[in-house]
């Protein structure tokens, strides 16, 4: 069983991953943010470090997916390999922050990797408004995220919506996080858990 959570920066992926892993007794796999050697540099100088950062994430997530499938365990993953390839890298390219040459190289590598991995059994997409994202980003207070602009978040949100509308790789559950406070309200979390049960086990 491989469940993955997708969503923009500040949507609550890591928090929900923790809560669901605890409830379902799934093993959590988190995004490599703490040990990522490029994040600080990237947010200070996006054009210089965009390709390096995206390659690092691509490598990290490809390795994660191979480990998930080989383990045979029930695993929940914070963010997917698709988000880098369909949202973050194309966004950097369209903003002029990644060269045509680098983007072509990156896309070619992703296409190769994608052919070697299976998609998640269930993808959970956390849909969020920009004000909610901004609020959550400020609340968690990561220093390197201080320079993220509303324009950047808006561009990502547009790409997320386009990606989700065309998603056909497996089961999909969309959760509007503006309407659910799954951190402080157990009833909201319970409702999300029921939705996941219905998707996975066909329970109504």
N, C-alpha and C. Protein backbone atom coordinates (compact mmCIF):
# COMPACT_ATOMS: atom_id res chain seq x y z
N UNK A 1 0.84 -1.20 0.00
CA UNK A 1 0.00 0.00 0.00
C UNK A 1 0.88 1.25 0.00
N UNK A 2 0.67 2.09 -0.97
CA UNK A 2 1.43 3.34 -1.08
C UNK A 2 0.45 4.50 -1.24
N UNK A 3 0.34 5.30 -0.19
CA UNK A 3 -0.50 6.49 -0.21
C UNK A 3 0.41 7.71 -0.25
N UNK A 4 0.10 8.69 -1.08
CA UNK A 4 0.94 9.89 -1.18
C UNK A 4 0.09 11.14 -1.02
N UNK A 5 0.68 12.16 -0.39
CA UNK A 5 -0.02 13.43 -0.20
C UNK A 5 0.65 14.51 -1.04
N UNK A 6 -0.16 15.18 -1.85
CA UNK A 6 0.33 16.26 -2.72
C UNK A 6 -0.30 17.57 -2.29
N UNK A 7 0.41 18.67 -2.54
CA UNK A 7 -0.14 19.98 -2.20
C UNK A 7 0.93 21.05 -2.20
N UNK A 8 0.49 22.28 -2.32
CA UNK A 8 1.39 23.43 -2.39
C UNK A 8 2.16 23.62 -1.07
N UNK A 9 3.13 24.51 -1.10
CA UNK A 9 3.93 24.84 0.09
C UNK A 9 2.99 25.40 1.17
N UNK A 10 2.98 24.79 2.34
CA UNK A 10 2.14 25.28 3.43
C UNK A 10 0.74 24.69 3.48
N UNK A 11 0.44 23.71 2.61
CA UNK A 11 -0.92 23.13 2.57
C UNK A 11 -1.19 22.19 3.74
N UNK A 12 -0.13 21.70 4.39
CA UNK A 12 -0.31 20.81 5.55
C UNK A 12 0.03 19.36 5.28
N UNK A 13 0.83 19.10 4.23
CA UNK A 13 1.18 17.73 3.85
C UNK A 13 1.88 16.96 4.97
N UNK A 14 2.91 17.58 5.54
CA UNK A 14 3.72 16.90 6.56
C UNK A 14 2.88 16.60 7.81
N UNK A 15 2.07 17.56 8.21
CA UNK A 15 1.21 17.38 9.40
C UNK A 15 0.21 16.26 9.18
N UNK A 16 -0.45 16.27 8.02
CA UNK A 16 -1.44 15.22 7.75
C UNK A 16 -0.76 13.86 7.59
N UNK A 17 0.42 13.84 7.01
CA UNK A 17 1.17 12.59 6.88
C UNK A 17 1.41 11.98 8.27
N UNK A 18 1.81 12.82 9.22
CA UNK A 18 2.05 12.34 10.59
C UNK A 18 0.77 11.80 11.24
N UNK A 19 -0.30 12.56 11.11
CA UNK A 19 -1.58 12.17 11.73
C UNK A 19 -2.12 10.86 11.13
N UNK A 20 -2.05 10.74 9.81
CA UNK A 20 -2.57 9.53 9.15
C UNK A 20 -1.69 8.32 9.42
N UNK A 21 -0.38 8.53 9.46
CA UNK A 21 0.53 7.40 9.73
C UNK A 21 0.26 6.85 11.13
N UNK A 22 -0.06 7.75 12.04
CA UNK A 22 -0.37 7.34 13.43
C UNK A 22 -1.69 6.56 13.48
N UNK A 23 -2.70 7.07 12.79
CA UNK A 23 -4.02 6.44 12.82
C UNK A 23 -4.03 5.08 12.12
N UNK A 24 -3.49 5.04 10.89
CA UNK A 24 -3.55 3.82 10.09
C UNK A 24 -2.38 2.86 10.36
N UNK A 25 -1.43 3.32 11.17
CA UNK A 25 -0.19 2.54 11.44
C UNK A 25 0.62 2.35 10.15
N UNK A 26 0.62 3.41 9.32
CA UNK A 26 1.42 3.40 8.10
C UNK A 26 2.79 3.98 8.42
N UNK A 27 3.79 3.53 7.69
CA UNK A 27 5.14 4.09 7.87
C UNK A 27 5.26 5.39 7.08
N UNK A 28 5.62 6.51 7.75
CA UNK A 28 5.70 7.78 7.03
C UNK A 28 7.04 7.99 6.33
N UNK A 29 7.00 8.53 5.13
CA UNK A 29 8.21 8.94 4.41
C UNK A 29 8.09 10.43 4.14
N UNK A 30 9.00 11.21 4.71
CA UNK A 30 8.90 12.66 4.61
C UNK A 30 9.84 13.23 3.55
N UNK A 31 9.48 14.44 3.12
CA UNK A 31 10.31 15.16 2.16
C UNK A 31 11.63 15.55 2.82
N UNK A 32 12.71 15.45 2.06
CA UNK A 32 14.03 15.75 2.61
C UNK A 32 14.28 17.25 2.61
N UNK A 33 13.79 17.91 3.67
CA UNK A 33 13.94 19.37 3.77
C UNK A 33 15.12 19.73 4.67
N UNK A 34 15.22 19.02 5.79
CA UNK A 34 16.26 19.34 6.79
C UNK A 34 17.67 19.15 6.22
N UNK A 35 17.89 18.03 5.54
CA UNK A 35 19.24 17.71 5.04
C UNK A 35 19.49 18.19 3.62
N UNK A 36 18.53 18.90 3.05
CA UNK A 36 18.67 19.36 1.67
C UNK A 36 19.74 20.47 1.58
N UNK A 37 20.84 20.21 0.86
CA UNK A 37 21.94 21.18 0.84
C UNK A 37 21.71 22.38 -0.10
N UNK A 38 20.57 22.38 -0.80
CA UNK A 38 20.35 23.44 -1.80
C UNK A 38 19.26 24.45 -1.42
N UNK A 39 18.40 24.12 -0.47
CA UNK A 39 17.22 24.95 -0.22
C UNK A 39 17.54 26.40 0.12
N UNK A 40 18.44 26.61 1.06
CA UNK A 40 18.80 27.98 1.45
C UNK A 40 19.32 28.77 0.26
N UNK A 41 20.25 28.16 -0.48
CA UNK A 41 20.83 28.82 -1.65
C UNK A 41 19.76 29.13 -2.69
N UNK A 42 18.86 28.15 -2.89
CA UNK A 42 17.82 28.31 -3.90
C UNK A 42 16.93 29.51 -3.60
N UNK A 43 16.47 29.64 -2.37
CA UNK A 43 15.56 30.75 -2.05
C UNK A 43 16.26 32.10 -2.07
N UNK A 44 17.58 32.09 -1.93
CA UNK A 44 18.35 33.34 -2.02
C UNK A 44 18.71 33.71 -3.45
N UNK A 45 18.85 32.66 -4.30
CA UNK A 45 19.30 32.90 -5.69
C UNK A 45 18.69 31.82 -6.58
N UNK A 46 17.41 31.94 -6.86
CA UNK A 46 16.65 30.88 -7.54
C UNK A 46 17.23 30.49 -8.90
N UNK A 47 17.60 31.48 -9.67
CA UNK A 47 18.07 31.22 -11.03
C UNK A 47 19.33 30.36 -11.03
N UNK A 48 20.21 30.62 -10.08
CA UNK A 48 21.49 29.89 -10.01
C UNK A 48 21.30 28.44 -9.55
N UNK A 49 20.36 28.22 -8.62
CA UNK A 49 20.30 26.92 -7.96
C UNK A 49 19.07 26.08 -8.31
N UNK A 50 18.22 26.57 -9.21
CA UNK A 50 16.97 25.85 -9.49
C UNK A 50 17.20 24.44 -10.03
N UNK A 51 18.11 24.30 -10.98
CA UNK A 51 18.36 22.98 -11.57
C UNK A 51 18.94 22.02 -10.53
N UNK A 52 19.89 22.51 -9.75
CA UNK A 52 20.51 21.67 -8.71
C UNK A 52 19.46 21.17 -7.71
N UNK A 53 18.60 22.09 -7.29
CA UNK A 53 17.57 21.74 -6.31
C UNK A 53 16.61 20.71 -6.88
N UNK A 54 16.15 20.91 -8.11
CA UNK A 54 15.18 19.99 -8.70
C UNK A 54 15.78 18.61 -8.94
N UNK A 55 17.03 18.55 -9.32
CA UNK A 55 17.70 17.26 -9.50
C UNK A 55 17.85 16.55 -8.16
N UNK A 56 18.16 17.32 -7.12
CA UNK A 56 18.28 16.73 -5.78
C UNK A 56 16.95 16.10 -5.35
N UNK A 57 15.84 16.85 -5.52
CA UNK A 57 14.53 16.34 -5.14
C UNK A 57 14.14 15.14 -6.00
N UNK A 58 14.43 15.20 -7.29
CA UNK A 58 14.09 14.09 -8.20
C UNK A 58 14.80 12.81 -7.77
N UNK A 59 16.08 12.93 -7.49
CA UNK A 59 16.87 11.79 -7.04
C UNK A 59 16.35 11.24 -5.73
N UNK A 60 16.07 12.15 -4.79
CA UNK A 60 15.59 11.77 -3.47
C UNK A 60 14.26 11.03 -3.56
N UNK A 61 13.33 11.55 -4.35
CA UNK A 61 12.00 10.93 -4.43
C UNK A 61 12.00 9.64 -5.24
N UNK A 62 12.84 9.57 -6.25
CA UNK A 62 12.97 8.33 -7.02
C UNK A 62 13.46 7.20 -6.11
N UNK A 63 14.46 7.52 -5.30
CA UNK A 63 14.99 6.54 -4.35
C UNK A 63 13.91 6.11 -3.35
N UNK A 64 13.13 7.11 -2.90
CA UNK A 64 12.04 6.85 -1.96
C UNK A 64 11.03 5.86 -2.53
N UNK A 65 10.62 6.10 -3.78
CA UNK A 65 9.61 5.24 -4.41
C UNK A 65 10.13 3.81 -4.56
N UNK A 66 11.39 3.66 -4.95
CA UNK A 66 11.97 2.32 -5.07
C UNK A 66 11.97 1.60 -3.72
N UNK A 67 12.33 2.34 -2.68
CA UNK A 67 12.34 1.77 -1.32
C UNK A 67 10.93 1.39 -0.86
N UNK A 68 9.96 2.24 -1.19
CA UNK A 68 8.56 1.98 -0.80
C UNK A 68 8.08 0.67 -1.42
N UNK A 69 8.31 0.49 -2.70
CA UNK A 69 7.83 -0.71 -3.39
C UNK A 69 8.59 -1.97 -2.96
N UNK A 70 9.88 -1.80 -2.72
CA UNK A 70 10.68 -2.97 -2.31
C UNK A 70 10.36 -3.40 -0.89
N UNK A 71 9.94 -2.47 -0.05
CA UNK A 71 9.71 -2.78 1.37
C UNK A 71 8.48 -3.67 1.57
N UNK A 72 7.47 -3.52 0.69
CA UNK A 72 6.24 -4.28 0.85
C UNK A 72 5.39 -3.80 2.02
N UNK A 73 5.77 -2.67 2.63
CA UNK A 73 5.04 -2.14 3.78
C UNK A 73 3.92 -1.20 3.34
N UNK A 74 3.08 -0.84 4.30
CA UNK A 74 2.06 0.18 4.05
C UNK A 74 2.69 1.53 4.38
N UNK A 75 2.81 2.37 3.37
CA UNK A 75 3.59 3.61 3.53
C UNK A 75 2.79 4.82 3.06
N UNK A 76 2.95 5.91 3.79
CA UNK A 76 2.38 7.19 3.37
C UNK A 76 3.52 8.17 3.10
N UNK A 77 3.47 8.82 1.96
CA UNK A 77 4.58 9.66 1.47
C UNK A 77 4.18 11.12 1.42
N UNK A 78 5.02 11.97 1.97
CA UNK A 78 4.83 13.42 1.96
C UNK A 78 5.42 13.97 0.65
N UNK A 79 4.55 14.35 -0.26
CA UNK A 79 4.85 14.87 -1.60
C UNK A 79 5.31 13.75 -2.57
N UNK A 80 5.04 13.98 -3.86
CA UNK A 80 5.29 12.95 -4.87
C UNK A 80 6.33 13.40 -5.89
N UNK A 81 6.81 12.45 -6.66
CA UNK A 81 7.78 12.73 -7.73
C UNK A 81 7.13 13.56 -8.85
N UNK A 82 5.80 13.44 -8.97
CA UNK A 82 5.08 14.14 -10.05
C UNK A 82 5.07 15.66 -9.83
N UNK A 83 5.02 16.07 -8.56
CA UNK A 83 4.92 17.50 -8.28
C UNK A 83 6.16 18.26 -8.74
N UNK A 84 7.31 17.65 -8.60
CA UNK A 84 8.55 18.28 -9.09
C UNK A 84 8.49 18.45 -10.61
N UNK A 85 8.07 17.38 -11.27
CA UNK A 85 8.14 17.35 -12.74
C UNK A 85 7.02 18.12 -13.42
N UNK A 86 5.82 18.12 -12.82
CA UNK A 86 4.68 18.77 -13.47
C UNK A 86 4.37 20.15 -12.91
N UNK A 87 4.95 20.48 -11.76
CA UNK A 87 4.61 21.76 -11.14
C UNK A 87 5.83 22.63 -10.89
N UNK A 88 6.77 22.18 -10.08
CA UNK A 88 7.87 23.04 -9.65
C UNK A 88 8.88 23.33 -10.76
N UNK A 89 9.36 22.30 -11.44
CA UNK A 89 10.35 22.52 -12.51
C UNK A 89 9.76 23.33 -13.68
N UNK A 90 8.55 22.98 -14.20
CA UNK A 90 7.98 23.79 -15.28
C UNK A 90 7.72 25.24 -14.86
N UNK A 91 7.36 25.43 -13.59
CA UNK A 91 7.12 26.78 -13.10
C UNK A 91 8.42 27.60 -13.11
N UNK A 92 9.49 27.00 -12.64
CA UNK A 92 10.79 27.69 -12.65
C UNK A 92 11.22 28.01 -14.08
N UNK A 93 10.96 27.07 -14.98
CA UNK A 93 11.31 27.26 -16.39
C UNK A 93 10.51 28.41 -17.00
N UNK A 94 9.20 28.43 -16.73
CA UNK A 94 8.35 29.47 -17.32
C UNK A 94 8.64 30.85 -16.73
N UNK A 95 9.16 30.89 -15.50
CA UNK A 95 9.51 32.16 -14.86
C UNK A 95 10.90 32.65 -15.28
N UNK A 96 11.56 31.85 -16.13
CA UNK A 96 12.90 32.22 -16.57
C UNK A 96 13.97 31.94 -15.54
N UNK A 97 13.64 31.05 -14.58
CA UNK A 97 14.58 30.72 -13.49
C UNK A 97 15.29 29.39 -13.74
N UNK A 98 14.94 28.72 -14.85
CA UNK A 98 15.66 27.52 -15.28
C UNK A 98 15.82 27.59 -16.78
N UNK A 99 17.02 27.37 -17.27
CA UNK A 99 17.27 27.51 -18.71
C UNK A 99 16.58 26.40 -19.51
N UNK A 100 16.38 26.64 -20.79
CA UNK A 100 15.80 25.62 -21.67
C UNK A 100 16.62 24.34 -21.64
N UNK A 101 17.92 24.49 -21.65
CA UNK A 101 18.83 23.34 -21.66
C UNK A 101 18.66 22.49 -20.40
N UNK A 102 18.64 23.17 -19.25
CA UNK A 102 18.50 22.45 -17.97
C UNK A 102 17.12 21.80 -17.86
N UNK A 103 16.09 22.51 -18.30
CA UNK A 103 14.73 21.96 -18.19
C UNK A 103 14.57 20.73 -19.08
N UNK A 104 15.15 20.78 -20.26
CA UNK A 104 15.09 19.63 -21.19
C UNK A 104 15.81 18.42 -20.58
N UNK A 105 16.97 18.68 -20.00
CA UNK A 105 17.76 17.64 -19.34
C UNK A 105 16.97 17.03 -18.18
N UNK A 106 16.40 17.91 -17.36
CA UNK A 106 15.61 17.48 -16.20
C UNK A 106 14.41 16.63 -16.66
N UNK A 107 13.68 17.12 -17.65
CA UNK A 107 12.48 16.42 -18.13
C UNK A 107 12.80 15.05 -18.69
N UNK A 108 13.92 14.96 -19.38
CA UNK A 108 14.36 13.68 -19.94
C UNK A 108 14.66 12.67 -18.84
N UNK A 109 15.30 13.15 -17.79
CA UNK A 109 15.63 12.29 -16.65
C UNK A 109 14.37 11.83 -15.94
N UNK A 110 13.41 12.73 -15.75
CA UNK A 110 12.15 12.37 -15.11
C UNK A 110 11.39 11.31 -15.92
N UNK A 111 11.33 11.50 -17.23
CA UNK A 111 10.62 10.55 -18.09
C UNK A 111 11.20 9.15 -17.95
N UNK A 112 12.51 9.07 -17.88
CA UNK A 112 13.18 7.78 -17.69
C UNK A 112 12.81 7.18 -16.33
N UNK A 113 12.89 7.99 -15.28
CA UNK A 113 12.58 7.51 -13.92
C UNK A 113 11.12 7.07 -13.80
N UNK A 114 10.23 7.87 -14.40
CA UNK A 114 8.80 7.56 -14.29
C UNK A 114 8.47 6.21 -14.92
N UNK A 115 9.19 5.86 -15.97
CA UNK A 115 8.94 4.58 -16.64
C UNK A 115 9.33 3.39 -15.77
N UNK A 116 10.09 3.66 -14.71
CA UNK A 116 10.59 2.58 -13.86
C UNK A 116 9.86 2.46 -12.52
N UNK A 117 8.90 3.36 -12.26
CA UNK A 117 8.21 3.32 -10.97
C UNK A 117 6.70 3.23 -11.15
N UNK A 118 6.05 2.74 -10.08
CA UNK A 118 4.59 2.67 -10.07
C UNK A 118 4.02 3.91 -9.38
N UNK A 119 2.83 4.30 -9.80
CA UNK A 119 2.17 5.44 -9.15
C UNK A 119 1.58 5.00 -7.81
N UNK A 120 1.26 5.95 -6.93
CA UNK A 120 0.67 5.59 -5.63
C UNK A 120 -0.69 4.90 -5.79
N UNK A 121 -1.04 4.08 -4.82
CA UNK A 121 -2.36 3.43 -4.83
C UNK A 121 -3.46 4.48 -4.60
N UNK A 122 -3.11 5.51 -3.83
CA UNK A 122 -4.03 6.62 -3.60
C UNK A 122 -3.24 7.92 -3.49
N UNK A 123 -3.67 8.93 -4.25
CA UNK A 123 -3.08 10.26 -4.13
C UNK A 123 -4.08 11.16 -3.43
N UNK A 124 -3.65 11.80 -2.34
CA UNK A 124 -4.48 12.76 -1.61
C UNK A 124 -3.97 14.15 -1.94
N UNK A 125 -4.84 14.97 -2.55
CA UNK A 125 -4.45 16.33 -2.90
C UNK A 125 -5.05 17.32 -1.91
N UNK A 126 -4.20 18.12 -1.28
CA UNK A 126 -4.65 19.14 -0.34
C UNK A 126 -4.80 20.46 -1.09
N UNK A 127 -6.04 20.80 -1.39
CA UNK A 127 -6.33 22.06 -2.09
C UNK A 127 -6.40 23.19 -1.07
N UNK A 128 -5.76 24.32 -1.38
CA UNK A 128 -5.74 25.43 -0.43
C UNK A 128 -5.76 26.77 -1.14
N UNK A 129 -6.39 27.76 -0.48
CA UNK A 129 -6.36 29.13 -0.99
C UNK A 129 -4.99 29.75 -0.66
N UNK A 130 -4.64 30.81 -1.38
CA UNK A 130 -3.36 31.49 -1.13
C UNK A 130 -3.28 32.08 0.29
N UNK A 131 -4.33 32.77 0.78
CA UNK A 131 -4.25 33.29 2.15
C UNK A 131 -3.97 32.22 3.21
N UNK A 132 -4.57 31.05 3.03
CA UNK A 132 -4.34 29.95 3.97
C UNK A 132 -2.88 29.47 3.90
N UNK A 133 -2.34 29.37 2.68
CA UNK A 133 -0.94 28.95 2.50
C UNK A 133 0.00 29.95 3.17
N UNK A 134 -0.23 31.23 2.93
CA UNK A 134 0.61 32.29 3.49
C UNK A 134 0.58 32.23 5.02
N UNK A 135 -0.62 32.05 5.56
CA UNK A 135 -0.80 31.96 7.01
C UNK A 135 -0.01 30.80 7.60
N UNK A 136 -0.09 29.64 6.96
CA UNK A 136 0.60 28.44 7.44
C UNK A 136 2.13 28.58 7.32
N UNK A 137 2.58 29.19 6.23
CA UNK A 137 4.03 29.38 6.02
C UNK A 137 4.59 30.30 7.10
N UNK A 138 3.87 31.39 7.41
CA UNK A 138 4.32 32.31 8.46
C UNK A 138 4.30 31.63 9.83
N UNK A 139 3.28 30.81 10.03
CA UNK A 139 3.11 30.14 11.33
C UNK A 139 4.27 29.20 11.65
N UNK A 140 4.75 28.48 10.64
CA UNK A 140 5.82 27.52 10.93
C UNK A 140 7.21 28.17 10.94
N UNK A 141 7.30 29.36 10.35
CA UNK A 141 8.50 30.19 10.53
C UNK A 141 9.82 29.63 10.05
N UNK A 142 9.81 28.93 8.90
CA UNK A 142 11.09 28.48 8.33
C UNK A 142 11.76 29.69 7.68
N UNK A 143 12.99 29.95 8.07
CA UNK A 143 13.68 31.17 7.63
C UNK A 143 13.79 31.27 6.11
N UNK A 144 14.13 30.14 5.47
CA UNK A 144 14.36 30.17 4.02
C UNK A 144 13.07 30.40 3.24
N UNK A 145 11.91 30.25 3.90
CA UNK A 145 10.63 30.44 3.21
C UNK A 145 10.14 31.90 3.28
N UNK A 146 10.85 32.75 4.01
CA UNK A 146 10.44 34.14 4.18
C UNK A 146 10.37 34.91 2.86
N UNK A 147 11.20 34.48 1.90
CA UNK A 147 11.28 35.22 0.63
C UNK A 147 10.29 34.72 -0.42
N UNK A 148 9.46 33.71 -0.07
CA UNK A 148 8.48 33.21 -1.04
C UNK A 148 7.41 34.27 -1.29
N UNK A 149 7.19 34.60 -2.55
CA UNK A 149 6.21 35.64 -2.88
C UNK A 149 4.83 35.04 -3.12
N UNK A 150 3.81 35.88 -3.00
CA UNK A 150 2.44 35.45 -3.28
C UNK A 150 2.29 35.07 -4.76
N UNK A 151 2.99 35.79 -5.63
CA UNK A 151 2.97 35.48 -7.06
C UNK A 151 3.49 34.06 -7.31
N UNK A 152 4.58 33.70 -6.62
CA UNK A 152 5.17 32.37 -6.77
C UNK A 152 4.17 31.29 -6.32
N UNK A 153 3.55 31.50 -5.15
CA UNK A 153 2.56 30.55 -4.63
C UNK A 153 1.36 30.44 -5.56
N UNK A 154 0.93 31.57 -6.12
CA UNK A 154 -0.22 31.57 -7.03
C UNK A 154 0.06 30.79 -8.30
N UNK A 155 1.26 30.97 -8.84
CA UNK A 155 1.67 30.21 -10.04
C UNK A 155 1.66 28.71 -9.75
N UNK A 156 2.19 28.34 -8.58
CA UNK A 156 2.21 26.92 -8.20
C UNK A 156 0.80 26.37 -8.06
N UNK A 157 -0.07 27.16 -7.41
CA UNK A 157 -1.46 26.72 -7.22
C UNK A 157 -2.15 26.45 -8.56
N UNK A 158 -1.92 27.32 -9.53
CA UNK A 158 -2.51 27.13 -10.87
C UNK A 158 -2.03 25.83 -11.50
N UNK A 159 -0.75 25.56 -11.34
CA UNK A 159 -0.18 24.33 -11.92
C UNK A 159 -0.69 23.08 -11.18
N UNK A 160 -0.85 23.20 -9.86
CA UNK A 160 -1.40 22.08 -9.10
C UNK A 160 -2.81 21.74 -9.59
N UNK A 161 -3.63 22.77 -9.76
CA UNK A 161 -5.01 22.54 -10.21
C UNK A 161 -5.04 21.90 -11.59
N UNK A 162 -4.18 22.36 -12.47
CA UNK A 162 -4.12 21.78 -13.82
C UNK A 162 -3.65 20.33 -13.77
N UNK A 163 -2.66 20.05 -12.93
CA UNK A 163 -2.15 18.68 -12.78
C UNK A 163 -3.23 17.75 -12.23
N UNK A 164 -3.94 18.20 -11.21
CA UNK A 164 -4.96 17.37 -10.57
C UNK A 164 -6.13 17.10 -11.52
N UNK A 165 -6.51 18.10 -12.31
CA UNK A 165 -7.60 17.93 -13.27
C UNK A 165 -7.28 16.84 -14.29
N UNK A 166 -6.01 16.72 -14.63
CA UNK A 166 -5.62 15.73 -15.63
C UNK A 166 -5.05 14.45 -15.04
N UNK A 167 -5.10 14.30 -13.70
CA UNK A 167 -4.47 13.14 -13.06
C UNK A 167 -5.24 11.86 -13.37
N UNK A 168 -4.54 10.89 -13.95
CA UNK A 168 -5.18 9.62 -14.32
C UNK A 168 -4.31 8.41 -13.97
N UNK A 169 -3.43 8.59 -13.00
CA UNK A 169 -2.46 7.53 -12.67
C UNK A 169 -2.96 6.58 -11.58
N UNK A 170 -4.12 6.88 -11.01
CA UNK A 170 -4.66 6.03 -9.95
C UNK A 170 -5.77 6.76 -9.20
N UNK A 171 -6.13 6.21 -8.04
CA UNK A 171 -7.19 6.81 -7.22
C UNK A 171 -6.75 8.18 -6.71
N UNK A 172 -7.73 9.10 -6.66
CA UNK A 172 -7.45 10.48 -6.24
C UNK A 172 -8.52 10.93 -5.25
N UNK A 173 -8.05 11.54 -4.15
CA UNK A 173 -8.96 12.14 -3.17
C UNK A 173 -8.55 13.60 -2.98
N UNK A 174 -9.50 14.52 -3.21
CA UNK A 174 -9.22 15.95 -3.05
C UNK A 174 -9.80 16.43 -1.72
N UNK A 175 -8.97 17.08 -0.91
CA UNK A 175 -9.42 17.62 0.37
C UNK A 175 -9.18 19.13 0.38
N UNK A 176 -10.25 19.88 0.59
CA UNK A 176 -10.17 21.34 0.65
C UNK A 176 -9.75 21.72 2.07
N UNK A 177 -8.48 22.05 2.25
CA UNK A 177 -7.96 22.28 3.61
C UNK A 177 -8.43 23.62 4.21
N UNK A 178 -9.02 24.49 3.40
CA UNK A 178 -9.62 25.71 3.96
C UNK A 178 -10.83 25.35 4.83
N UNK A 179 -11.44 24.21 4.53
CA UNK A 179 -12.68 23.80 5.23
C UNK A 179 -12.41 22.81 6.37
N UNK A 180 -11.21 22.28 6.44
CA UNK A 180 -10.90 21.28 7.47
C UNK A 180 -9.74 21.74 8.35
N UNK A 181 -9.97 21.77 9.65
CA UNK A 181 -8.88 22.03 10.60
C UNK A 181 -8.50 20.70 11.25
N UNK A 182 -7.75 19.89 10.49
CA UNK A 182 -7.45 18.54 10.98
C UNK A 182 -6.41 18.51 12.11
N UNK A 183 -5.78 19.65 12.36
CA UNK A 183 -4.79 19.72 13.44
C UNK A 183 -5.49 19.86 14.80
N UNK A 184 -6.44 20.79 14.89
CA UNK A 184 -7.07 21.10 16.18
C UNK A 184 -8.45 20.48 16.37
N UNK A 185 -9.06 20.01 15.29
CA UNK A 185 -10.41 19.48 15.37
C UNK A 185 -10.45 17.99 15.02
N UNK A 186 -10.60 17.12 16.03
CA UNK A 186 -10.64 15.67 15.80
C UNK A 186 -11.76 15.25 14.85
N UNK A 187 -12.88 15.97 14.87
CA UNK A 187 -14.00 15.62 13.98
C UNK A 187 -13.62 15.82 12.51
N UNK A 188 -12.89 16.90 12.24
CA UNK A 188 -12.43 17.15 10.87
C UNK A 188 -11.47 16.06 10.41
N UNK A 189 -10.56 15.68 11.31
CA UNK A 189 -9.62 14.60 10.97
C UNK A 189 -10.38 13.30 10.74
N UNK A 190 -11.38 13.05 11.57
CA UNK A 190 -12.20 11.84 11.44
C UNK A 190 -12.91 11.77 10.10
N UNK A 191 -13.38 12.93 9.64
CA UNK A 191 -14.07 12.98 8.35
C UNK A 191 -13.11 12.65 7.21
N UNK A 192 -11.88 13.18 7.30
CA UNK A 192 -10.86 12.89 6.28
C UNK A 192 -10.51 11.39 6.30
N UNK A 193 -10.38 10.83 7.50
CA UNK A 193 -10.07 9.39 7.64
C UNK A 193 -11.17 8.55 7.00
N UNK A 194 -12.44 8.95 7.21
CA UNK A 194 -13.57 8.22 6.60
C UNK A 194 -13.50 8.27 5.08
N UNK A 195 -13.13 9.42 4.54
CA UNK A 195 -13.01 9.57 3.08
C UNK A 195 -11.91 8.65 2.53
N UNK A 196 -10.80 8.57 3.28
CA UNK A 196 -9.68 7.70 2.86
C UNK A 196 -10.09 6.23 2.92
N UNK A 197 -10.79 5.85 3.99
CA UNK A 197 -11.31 4.48 4.12
C UNK A 197 -12.18 4.13 2.92
N UNK A 198 -13.05 5.05 2.54
CA UNK A 198 -13.96 4.82 1.41
C UNK A 198 -13.19 4.60 0.11
N UNK A 199 -12.12 5.39 -0.09
CA UNK A 199 -11.30 5.27 -1.31
C UNK A 199 -10.53 3.95 -1.34
N UNK A 200 -9.96 3.60 -0.20
CA UNK A 200 -9.09 2.41 -0.17
C UNK A 200 -9.89 1.11 -0.06
N UNK A 201 -10.87 1.13 0.84
CA UNK A 201 -11.57 -0.12 1.14
C UNK A 201 -12.98 -0.16 0.58
N UNK A 202 -13.42 0.93 -0.05
CA UNK A 202 -14.75 0.95 -0.63
C UNK A 202 -15.86 1.02 0.42
N UNK A 203 -15.54 1.58 1.59
CA UNK A 203 -16.54 1.71 2.65
C UNK A 203 -17.28 3.04 2.51
N UNK A 204 -18.55 3.04 2.82
CA UNK A 204 -19.34 4.27 2.68
C UNK A 204 -19.96 4.66 4.01
